[in-house]
Amino acid sequence: MEETATAAAAAEKASSYRYWVREATGDAAPLPVPRKLDATAAAAANGNGNPPPLGSVWNQAGTWEEKNLNSWANSRIKEMLGSLDSLEFPTGKASLDGVSKCIGDAFLVTVRNKKRVGYTYELSLKFKGEWLIKEEKMKVKGHLDIPEFSFGELEDLEVEVRFTDDKGLASDDKRQICKDLKSFLSPIREKLRAFEEELKDR
């Protein structure tokens, strides 16, 4: 009876998974070794003659994948808007003096093997100019603020003028200067359209 119990215990021990793993020898299957995927290997694995999927090599099924493009987008917006020409008006002229605020997000999303891009930004551009007011040339500085705007919404773009120092300017003069400065809206919109096109090609 005792011998039967010992034999049963030995048989159970030999067939248990834990015992097998602990006692595995060199004859057992080798452990898996991680290897890096590349585009060539992915294309070979795809093997059906179709073009390789968009997105990362690991995402062969083309499921949801999001890539942050903030670093590229921020520097590109600043570069493009920094190259705008100065404008002349009937009673003055003004130029943009760089981007003082560029806050937002730009991203590339791959979903169901289709690429989609988008962004949401808030900008502020410094301006400086000179206007003839009451037969005297006055230097004016300030900011052109562009509130939140997103991909595909450039037709709705708005510019708000904020003066750094408006002492000595009557309300009529300020109104005229604001009207003049809003002429920058069209070239700003064109630059941002070009930015959108570049973003689509990322």
Protein backbone atom coordinates (compact mmCIF):
# COMPACT_ATOMS: atom_id res chain seq x y z
CA MET A 1 0.00 0.00 0.00
CA GLU A 2 2.80 2.32 0.95
CA GLU A 3 4.67 1.41 -2.24
CA THR A 4 1.60 2.28 -4.38
CA ALA A 5 1.30 5.74 -2.75
CA THR A 6 5.01 6.41 -3.33
CA ALA A 7 4.75 5.34 -7.00
CA ALA A 8 1.69 7.58 -7.50
CA ALA A 9 3.51 10.56 -5.96
CA ALA A 10 6.52 9.93 -8.18
CA ALA A 11 4.31 9.71 -11.31
CA GLU A 12 2.53 12.99 -10.38
CA LYS A 13 5.87 14.67 -9.76
CA ALA A 14 7.21 13.55 -13.15
CA SER A 15 4.15 14.79 -15.02
CA SER A 16 3.78 18.18 -13.27
CA TYR A 17 4.65 21.29 -15.31
CA ARG A 18 6.66 22.86 -12.53
CA TYR A 19 8.79 19.76 -12.13
CA TRP A 20 9.39 19.63 -15.91
CA VAL A 21 10.51 23.26 -16.12
CA ARG A 22 12.78 22.98 -13.10
CA GLU A 23 14.38 19.83 -14.38
CA ALA A 24 14.62 20.97 -18.06
CA THR A 25 17.86 20.01 -19.75
CA GLY A 26 19.69 21.21 -22.88
CA ASP A 27 17.31 19.06 -24.96
CA ALA A 28 14.41 21.40 -24.16
CA ALA A 29 13.34 24.09 -26.62
CA PRO A 30 15.56 27.22 -26.44
CA LEU A 31 14.22 30.35 -24.80
CA PRO A 32 12.82 32.98 -27.20
CA VAL A 33 15.27 35.73 -28.17
CA PRO A 34 13.84 39.21 -28.89
CA ARG A 35 14.81 40.71 -32.24
CA LYS A 36 14.25 44.16 -33.68
CA LEU A 37 11.80 44.54 -36.57
CA ASP A 38 12.72 46.58 -39.61
CA ALA A 39 10.77 47.69 -42.69
CA THR A 40 12.30 44.95 -44.92
CA ALA A 41 11.38 42.19 -42.49
CA ALA A 42 7.89 43.63 -42.17
CA ALA A 43 7.41 43.67 -45.94
CA ALA A 44 8.63 40.06 -46.17
CA ALA A 45 6.28 39.04 -43.36
CA ASN A 46 3.43 40.83 -45.13
CA GLY A 47 4.21 38.66 -48.18
CA ASN A 48 0.95 39.31 -50.02
CA GLY A 49 2.26 41.87 -52.51
CA ASN A 50 0.28 44.71 -50.89
CA PRO A 51 2.04 47.99 -50.06
CA PRO A 52 3.44 48.07 -46.53
CA PRO A 53 1.05 49.48 -43.94
CA LEU A 54 1.38 53.03 -42.63
CA GLY A 55 2.73 53.76 -39.16
CA SER A 56 5.30 51.82 -37.19
CA VAL A 57 6.75 48.46 -38.20
CA TRP A 58 5.21 46.83 -35.13
CA ASN A 59 1.74 48.03 -36.12
CA GLN A 60 1.16 45.72 -39.11
CA ALA A 61 -2.60 45.65 -38.58
CA GLY A 62 -2.75 49.44 -38.96
CA THR A 63 -4.63 49.86 -35.69
CA TRP A 64 -4.61 53.12 -33.72
CA GLU A 65 -1.21 54.80 -33.43
CA GLU A 66 -0.56 58.42 -32.50
CA LYS A 67 2.68 60.32 -33.05
CA ASN A 68 3.45 63.64 -31.35
CA LEU A 69 4.71 66.30 -33.82
CA ASN A 70 4.91 69.24 -31.38
CA SER A 71 8.65 69.81 -31.62
CA TRP A 72 8.66 69.98 -35.42
CA ALA A 73 5.40 71.97 -35.62
CA ASN A 74 6.40 74.63 -33.06
CA SER A 75 9.70 75.42 -34.76
CA ARG A 76 8.13 75.30 -38.25
CA ILE A 77 5.32 77.73 -37.35
CA LYS A 78 7.83 80.16 -35.80
CA GLU A 79 10.08 79.89 -38.85
CA MET A 80 7.27 80.43 -41.37
CA LEU A 81 5.59 83.33 -39.58
CA GLY A 82 8.95 84.94 -38.85
CA SER A 83 9.53 85.34 -42.60
CA LEU A 84 6.48 87.53 -43.27
CA ASP A 85 7.12 90.79 -45.13
CA SER A 86 6.35 94.21 -43.67
CA LEU A 87 3.18 95.98 -44.83
CA GLU A 88 2.59 99.59 -45.80
CA PHE A 89 -0.64 101.47 -45.16
CA PRO A 90 -1.92 104.91 -46.25
CA THR A 91 -0.67 106.52 -43.03
CA GLY A 92 1.99 104.10 -41.80
CA LYS A 93 3.86 100.83 -42.02
CA ALA A 94 4.43 97.83 -39.76
CA SER A 95 6.41 94.62 -39.57
CA LEU A 96 6.21 91.48 -37.49
CA ASP A 97 9.04 91.00 -35.03
CA GLY A 98 8.82 87.28 -34.25
CA VAL A 99 6.49 84.86 -32.51
CA SER A 100 6.18 85.61 -28.79
CA LYS A 101 3.78 82.75 -27.97
CA CYS A 102 3.25 79.44 -29.74
CA ILE A 103 1.25 77.01 -27.61
CA GLY A 104 -0.48 73.91 -28.89
CA ASP A 105 -0.32 70.35 -30.12
CA ALA A 106 0.27 68.76 -33.51
CA PHE A 107 -0.13 65.05 -34.14
CA LEU A 108 -0.22 62.30 -36.72
CA VAL A 109 -2.72 59.50 -36.18
CA THR A 110 -2.71 56.19 -38.06
CA VAL A 111 -6.03 54.39 -37.74
CA ARG A 112 -7.24 51.49 -39.89
CA ASN A 113 -4.18 51.99 -42.06
CA LYS A 114 -5.18 55.59 -42.90
CA LYS A 115 -3.13 58.64 -41.98
CA ARG A 116 -4.75 61.66 -40.34
CA VAL A 117 -3.05 64.82 -39.09
CA GLY A 118 -4.29 67.59 -36.86
CA TYR A 119 -3.28 70.46 -34.64
CA THR A 120 -4.67 73.03 -32.22
CA TYR A 121 -2.65 76.19 -31.59
CA GLU A 122 -2.71 79.60 -29.96
CA LEU A 123 -0.29 82.27 -31.22
CA SER A 124 0.95 85.74 -30.43
CA LEU A 125 3.14 87.74 -32.83
CA LYS A 126 5.08 90.88 -31.91
CA PHE A 127 4.67 93.87 -34.20
CA LYS A 128 6.33 97.25 -34.49
CA GLY A 129 5.32 100.09 -36.74
CA GLU A 130 5.18 103.79 -37.43
CA TRP A 131 2.07 105.86 -38.20
CA LEU A 132 1.52 109.50 -39.10
CA ILE A 133 -0.76 110.84 -36.40
CA LYS A 134 -1.66 114.55 -36.30
CA GLU A 135 1.19 115.24 -38.73
CA GLU A 136 3.66 113.56 -36.42
CA LYS A 137 5.26 110.12 -36.86
CA MET A 138 4.56 107.86 -33.90
CA LYS A 139 6.18 104.52 -33.19
CA VAL A 140 3.77 101.83 -32.05
CA LYS A 141 4.50 98.36 -30.64
CA GLY A 142 2.34 95.51 -29.52
CA HIS A 143 1.10 92.01 -30.23
CA LEU A 144 -1.19 90.35 -32.72
CA ASP A 145 -2.98 87.61 -30.78
CA ILE A 146 -4.49 84.69 -32.66
CA PRO A 147 -6.82 82.76 -30.35
CA GLU A 148 -7.19 78.99 -30.54
CA PHE A 149 -7.46 77.59 -34.07
CA SER A 150 -7.35 74.06 -35.48
CA PHE A 151 -6.64 72.06 -38.61
CA GLY A 152 -9.02 72.97 -41.44
CA GLU A 153 -10.37 76.10 -39.69
CA LEU A 154 -8.13 78.79 -41.19
CA GLU A 155 -11.05 80.61 -42.81
CA ASP A 156 -12.30 81.42 -39.30
CA LEU A 157 -8.91 82.81 -38.21
CA GLU A 158 -9.14 86.04 -36.19
CA VAL A 159 -6.51 88.55 -35.08
CA GLU A 160 -6.77 90.68 -31.95
CA VAL A 161 -4.48 93.71 -31.56
CA ARG A 162 -2.90 94.42 -28.18
CA PHE A 163 -0.77 97.57 -27.76
CA THR A 164 2.32 97.54 -25.55
CA ASP A 165 2.11 101.30 -25.04
CA ASP A 166 -0.82 103.28 -26.42
CA LYS A 167 -0.24 106.58 -24.58
CA GLY A 168 -0.86 109.55 -26.82
CA LEU A 169 -3.17 107.58 -29.12
CA ALA A 170 -6.76 108.72 -29.39
CA SER A 171 -9.43 106.02 -29.73
CA ASP A 172 -9.92 106.89 -33.44
CA ASP A 173 -6.18 106.50 -34.05
CA LYS A 174 -6.15 103.14 -32.27
CA ARG A 175 -9.13 101.99 -34.32
CA GLN A 176 -7.36 102.92 -37.57
CA ILE A 177 -4.10 101.22 -36.50
CA CYS A 178 -6.04 98.06 -35.53
CA LYS A 179 -7.76 98.06 -38.92
CA ASP A 180 -4.38 98.43 -40.67
CA LEU A 181 -2.76 95.66 -38.61
CA LYS A 182 -5.58 93.23 -39.41
CA SER A 183 -4.22 93.30 -42.99
CA PHE A 184 -1.61 90.83 -41.67
CA LEU A 185 -4.41 88.25 -41.36
CA SER A 186 -4.28 87.25 -45.04
CA PRO A 187 -0.50 86.56 -45.23
CA ILE A 188 -0.63 84.78 -41.84
CA ARG A 189 -3.44 82.56 -43.15
CA GLU A 190 -1.41 81.73 -46.28
CA LYS A 191 1.63 80.73 -44.21
CA LEU A 192 -0.53 78.52 -41.98
CA ARG A 193 -2.08 76.88 -45.07
CA ALA A 194 1.44 76.03 -46.24
CA PHE A 195 2.14 74.65 -42.75
CA GLU A 196 -0.95 72.41 -43.00
CA GLU A 197 0.26 71.03 -46.33
CA GLU A 198 3.67 70.22 -44.87
CA LEU A 199 2.00 68.60 -41.88
CA LYS A 200 -0.01 66.31 -44.20
CA ASP A 201 3.26 65.07 -45.77
CA ARG A 202 4.87 64.15 -42.45
